[in-house]
Amino acid sequence: MNPVAFEIFGFKIMWYGVLIGLAVVIGAIIATREAKRKGYDENTVLDLLLFAIPSALIGARLYYVIFSWELYRDNPISALNFRHGGLAIHGGLIGAVLASYIYCRVKNIKFLDIADIMAPCIILGQSIGRWGNYINQEAYGGPTDLPWAIEVDGMKVHPTFFYESVWDFTIFLFLYFYMRKNKKFDGQIFSLYLILYSLGRFFIEGLRTDSLMLGPIRVAQLISLSLILISTIFYIKKLRDVK
């Protein structure tokens, strides 16, 4: 499939960007509705997104560049070229969370409550965005003879983008249709998002062939384990406080 969706005055619009934009729009619609249901002004979420989305893009790019510095050290200015690819979801998440936390502190809004509203939207966006990897022929795994293998450069490989997309969508269904109606404490939905996403990402990352590395360690697996540990401790502590 052609990675270019269409052109405007010779400027190529990539399918990856279209899917990310679609994910943002869908996520914003769901988040504003949920915020309104919980008594917030819907503009609160929209204003937050004005800070969180650019911060997520910067974080995603910076994270990728840091762990792929060998690609940019001879021409550091090329790191500013987002259109040549190179975004990492963990970096985007860090950027978005930091921006959202600062925004909530300034506006005197409960950060964990807002994080609970946003968590299902984030994971849904991740599920949609992974199909951009398919179109770009990236984020796939090693060789396999499984019936659902995809062919890349004449070789059958694991469709790891698909594994993660399905896993992410399943998490969305659980968080949005069950957990938001059974929430016991602020931060519960967000911490479950971090735990469940990181659990799936850890195992899926082990199948990929394009992982960012820190020596012999896959960075995404290291971050995933860290998030599982921190979020589980937080979850157990808060659950005990409720009881």
Protein backbone atom coordinates (compact mmCIF):
# COMPACT_ATOMS: atom_id res chain seq x y z
CA MET A 1 0.00 0.00 0.00
CA ASN A 2 1.32 3.46 -0.90
CA PRO A 3 2.37 5.30 2.31
CA VAL A 4 1.25 8.56 0.67
CA ALA A 5 -2.47 9.17 1.13
CA PHE A 6 -2.68 12.20 -1.17
CA GLU A 7 -0.85 15.36 -2.19
CA ILE A 8 -1.74 19.02 -1.74
CA PHE A 9 0.19 21.39 -4.02
CA GLY A 10 2.99 18.85 -4.22
CA PHE A 11 3.10 18.33 -0.43
CA LYS A 12 2.72 14.66 0.41
CA ILE A 13 0.27 13.72 3.15
CA MET A 14 1.21 10.34 4.60
CA TRP A 15 -1.28 7.73 5.75
CA TYR A 16 0.59 7.52 9.05
CA GLY A 17 -0.14 11.19 9.72
CA VAL A 18 -3.76 10.79 8.62
CA LEU A 19 -4.26 7.91 11.07
CA ILE A 20 -2.63 9.82 13.91
CA GLY A 21 -4.87 12.79 13.16
CA LEU A 22 -7.92 10.51 13.10
CA ALA A 23 -6.89 9.00 16.44
CA VAL A 24 -6.55 12.47 17.98
CA VAL A 25 -10.00 13.55 16.75
CA ILE A 26 -11.74 10.38 17.96
CA GLY A 27 -9.92 10.53 21.28
CA ALA A 28 -10.83 14.19 21.76
CA ILE A 29 -14.51 13.49 21.09
CA ILE A 30 -14.63 10.64 23.61
CA ALA A 31 -12.64 12.57 26.22
CA THR A 32 -14.78 15.72 26.01
CA ARG A 33 -17.96 13.67 26.39
CA GLU A 34 -16.58 11.84 29.40
CA ALA A 35 -15.31 15.08 30.95
CA LYS A 36 -18.74 16.64 30.52
CA ARG A 37 -20.36 13.58 32.10
CA LYS A 38 -18.11 14.03 35.13
CA GLY A 39 -18.96 17.68 35.53
CA TYR A 40 -16.01 19.33 33.79
CA ASP A 41 -16.31 22.06 31.21
CA GLU A 42 -15.64 20.29 27.90
CA ASN A 43 -13.23 23.09 26.98
CA THR A 44 -10.99 21.87 29.78
CA VAL A 45 -10.04 18.79 27.76
CA LEU A 46 -9.69 20.74 24.51
CA ASP A 47 -7.41 23.30 26.16
CA LEU A 48 -5.34 20.52 27.71
CA LEU A 49 -4.94 18.84 24.32
CA LEU A 50 -3.51 22.05 22.87
CA PHE A 51 -0.55 21.54 25.23
CA ALA A 52 -0.46 17.74 25.44
CA ILE A 53 -0.44 16.92 21.70
CA PRO A 54 2.58 19.06 20.74
CA SER A 55 4.37 17.87 23.88
CA ALA A 56 3.63 14.26 22.91
CA LEU A 57 5.08 14.76 19.43
CA ILE A 58 8.20 16.44 20.79
CA GLY A 59 8.61 13.74 23.44
CA ALA A 60 8.11 10.94 20.91
CA ARG A 61 10.72 12.40 18.58
CA LEU A 62 13.23 13.26 21.31
CA TYR A 63 12.98 9.79 22.82
CA TYR A 64 13.61 8.18 19.43
CA VAL A 65 16.55 10.45 18.63
CA ILE A 66 18.20 9.83 22.00
CA PHE A 67 18.13 6.07 21.56
CA SER A 68 19.02 6.24 17.86
CA TRP A 69 21.68 8.93 18.10
CA GLU A 70 24.01 7.09 15.72
CA LEU A 71 21.58 8.00 12.93
CA TYR A 72 21.80 11.73 13.67
CA ARG A 73 25.20 12.49 15.19
CA ASP A 74 26.77 13.31 11.82
CA ASN A 75 23.89 15.63 10.93
CA PRO A 76 22.10 16.67 14.17
CA ILE A 77 19.80 19.10 12.38
CA SER A 78 18.15 16.12 10.65
CA ALA A 79 16.67 15.19 14.03
CA LEU A 80 14.20 18.04 13.49
CA ASN A 81 12.79 16.41 10.36
CA PHE A 82 9.72 14.62 11.70
CA ARG A 83 8.59 13.63 8.22
CA HIS A 84 11.42 11.13 7.83
CA GLY A 85 9.98 8.98 10.59
CA GLY A 86 11.23 8.16 14.03
CA LEU A 87 8.60 8.48 16.79
CA ALA A 88 8.37 6.40 19.95
CA ILE A 89 5.14 5.99 21.90
CA HIS A 90 6.86 5.92 25.30
CA GLY A 91 8.44 9.29 24.60
CA GLY A 92 5.09 10.63 23.46
CA LEU A 93 3.44 9.38 26.63
CA ILE A 94 6.10 11.00 28.82
CA GLY A 95 5.70 14.32 27.00
CA ALA A 96 1.91 14.27 27.17
CA VAL A 97 1.82 13.31 30.87
CA LEU A 98 4.29 16.04 31.86
CA ALA A 99 2.37 18.69 29.92
CA SER A 100 -0.96 17.51 31.35
CA TYR A 101 0.39 17.48 34.91
CA ILE A 102 1.68 21.05 34.58
CA TYR A 103 -1.60 22.18 33.02
CA CYS A 104 -3.64 20.60 35.82
CA ARG A 105 -1.45 22.17 38.50
CA VAL A 106 -1.79 25.62 36.93
CA LYS A 107 -5.57 25.25 36.51
CA ASN A 108 -6.00 23.62 39.93
CA ILE A 109 -7.56 20.49 38.43
CA LYS A 110 -7.14 16.97 39.80
CA PHE A 111 -4.52 15.44 37.53
CA LEU A 112 -5.34 11.80 38.32
CA ASP A 113 -9.02 12.32 37.57
CA ILE A 114 -8.17 13.89 34.20
CA ALA A 115 -5.68 11.07 33.56
CA ASP A 116 -8.48 8.56 34.13
CA ILE A 117 -10.62 10.36 31.55
CA MET A 118 -7.80 10.42 29.00
CA ALA A 119 -6.43 6.88 29.46
CA PRO A 120 -9.03 5.01 27.36
CA CYS A 121 -8.67 7.62 24.62
CA ILE A 122 -4.90 7.26 24.58
CA ILE A 123 -4.96 3.49 24.23
CA LEU A 124 -7.63 3.71 21.51
CA GLY A 125 -5.43 6.17 19.66
CA GLN A 126 -2.50 3.78 19.94
CA SER A 127 -4.64 0.99 18.49
CA ILE A 128 -5.55 3.14 15.49
CA GLY A 129 -2.05 4.52 15.00
CA ARG A 130 -0.44 1.08 14.77
CA TRP A 131 -2.05 0.60 11.36
CA GLY A 132 0.22 3.36 10.13
CA ASN A 133 3.09 0.98 10.84
CA TYR A 134 1.47 -1.58 8.57
CA ILE A 135 1.18 0.91 5.73
CA ASN A 136 4.81 1.96 6.22
CA GLN A 137 5.95 -1.69 6.39
CA GLU A 138 7.55 -1.23 9.82
CA ALA A 139 7.20 -2.44 13.41
CA TYR A 140 6.97 -6.07 12.34
CA GLY A 141 8.54 -9.12 13.93
CA GLY A 142 10.84 -11.94 13.02
CA PRO A 143 10.16 -14.85 10.63
CA THR A 144 7.18 -17.10 11.31
CA ASP A 145 5.10 -19.77 9.54
CA LEU A 146 1.92 -18.89 11.40
CA PRO A 147 -1.16 -18.58 9.16
CA TRP A 148 -1.61 -14.86 9.97
CA ALA A 149 1.96 -13.94 9.01
CA ILE A 150 2.45 -10.99 6.67
CA GLU A 151 5.00 -10.84 3.88
CA VAL A 152 7.76 -8.23 4.00
CA ASP A 153 10.56 -8.28 1.42
CA GLY A 154 9.58 -11.81 0.42
CA MET A 155 9.69 -13.14 4.00
CA LYS A 156 6.78 -14.15 6.22
CA VAL A 157 7.01 -12.31 9.55
CA HIS A 158 5.02 -11.67 12.72
CA PRO A 159 2.53 -8.77 12.28
CA THR A 160 3.50 -7.29 15.64
CA PHE A 161 1.75 -4.02 14.78
CA PHE A 162 -1.47 -6.06 14.54
CA TYR A 163 -0.84 -7.87 17.84
CA GLU A 164 -0.43 -4.55 19.60
CA SER A 165 -3.40 -2.95 17.85
CA VAL A 166 -5.71 -5.76 18.96
CA TRP A 167 -4.27 -5.75 22.49
CA ASP A 168 -4.69 -1.98 22.75
CA PHE A 169 -8.28 -2.09 21.49
CA THR A 170 -9.11 -4.81 24.01
CA ILE A 171 -7.71 -2.62 26.79
CA PHE A 172 -9.82 0.29 25.52
CA LEU A 173 -13.00 -1.80 25.70
CA PHE A 174 -12.18 -2.91 29.25
CA LEU A 175 -11.27 0.56 30.52
CA TYR A 176 -14.08 2.45 28.84
CA PHE A 177 -17.02 0.10 29.15
CA TYR A 178 -16.22 -1.51 32.52
CA MET A 179 -13.64 0.31 34.61
CA ARG A 180 -14.99 3.84 34.21
CA LYS A 181 -18.29 2.62 35.70
CA ASN A 182 -16.56 0.75 38.52
CA LYS A 183 -13.83 3.23 39.44
CA LYS A 184 -12.91 3.27 43.12
CA PHE A 185 -10.16 5.89 43.28
CA ASP A 186 -8.58 8.61 41.18
CA GLY A 187 -5.79 7.22 39.05
CA GLN A 188 -7.23 3.71 38.92
CA ILE A 189 -8.03 3.72 35.20
CA PHE A 190 -4.76 5.43 34.27
CA SER A 191 -2.66 3.01 36.33
CA LEU A 192 -4.50 0.02 34.83
CA TYR A 193 -3.80 1.44 31.39
CA LEU A 194 -0.08 1.62 32.16
CA ILE A 195 -0.02 -1.90 33.61
CA LEU A 196 -2.01 -3.60 30.86
CA TYR A 197 -0.41 -1.79 27.94
CA SER A 198 3.07 -2.36 29.34
CA LEU A 199 2.35 -6.06 29.90
CA GLY A 200 1.37 -6.58 26.28
CA ARG A 201 4.14 -4.34 24.96
CA PHE A 202 6.80 -6.26 26.88
CA PHE A 203 6.00 -9.55 25.17
CA ILE A 204 5.23 -8.08 21.74
CA GLU A 205 8.45 -6.08 21.80
CA GLY A 206 10.37 -9.34 22.19
CA LEU A 207 9.15 -10.36 18.71
CA ARG A 208 10.13 -7.14 16.95
CA THR A 209 13.22 -6.67 14.82
CA ASP A 210 13.48 -2.87 15.04
CA SER A 211 13.62 -2.26 18.78
CA LEU A 212 15.45 0.72 20.23
CA MET A 213 18.34 -0.68 22.23
CA LEU A 214 20.31 0.32 25.31
CA GLY A 215 23.28 -2.00 24.99
CA PRO A 216 21.82 -5.50 24.90
CA ILE A 217 18.50 -4.37 26.44
CA ARG A 218 15.37 -3.47 24.50
CA VAL A 219 14.43 -0.02 25.80
CA ALA A 220 10.67 -0.57 25.44
CA GLN A 221 10.87 -3.72 27.56
CA LEU A 222 12.85 -1.90 30.25
CA ILE A 223 10.35 0.96 30.32
CA SER A 224 7.44 -1.48 30.31
CA LEU A 225 8.76 -3.38 33.32
CA SER A 226 9.36 -0.11 35.16
CA LEU A 227 5.83 1.10 34.46
CA ILE A 228 4.32 -2.21 35.54
CA LEU A 229 6.21 -2.10 38.84
CA ILE A 230 5.50 1.55 39.66
CA SER A 231 1.85 1.42 38.58
CA THR A 232 1.17 -1.84 40.45
CA ILE A 233 2.61 -0.41 43.68
CA PHE A 234 0.47 2.71 43.22
CA TYR A 235 -2.65 0.63 42.46
CA ILE A 236 -2.28 -1.66 45.47
CA LYS A 237 -1.59 1.26 47.84
CA LYS A 238 -4.59 3.26 46.66
CA LEU A 239 -6.86 0.22 46.73
CA ARG A 240 -5.84 -0.46 50.35
CA ASP A 241 -6.57 3.17 51.24
CA VAL A 242 -10.08 2.83 49.82
CA LYS A 243 -10.76 -0.32 51.83
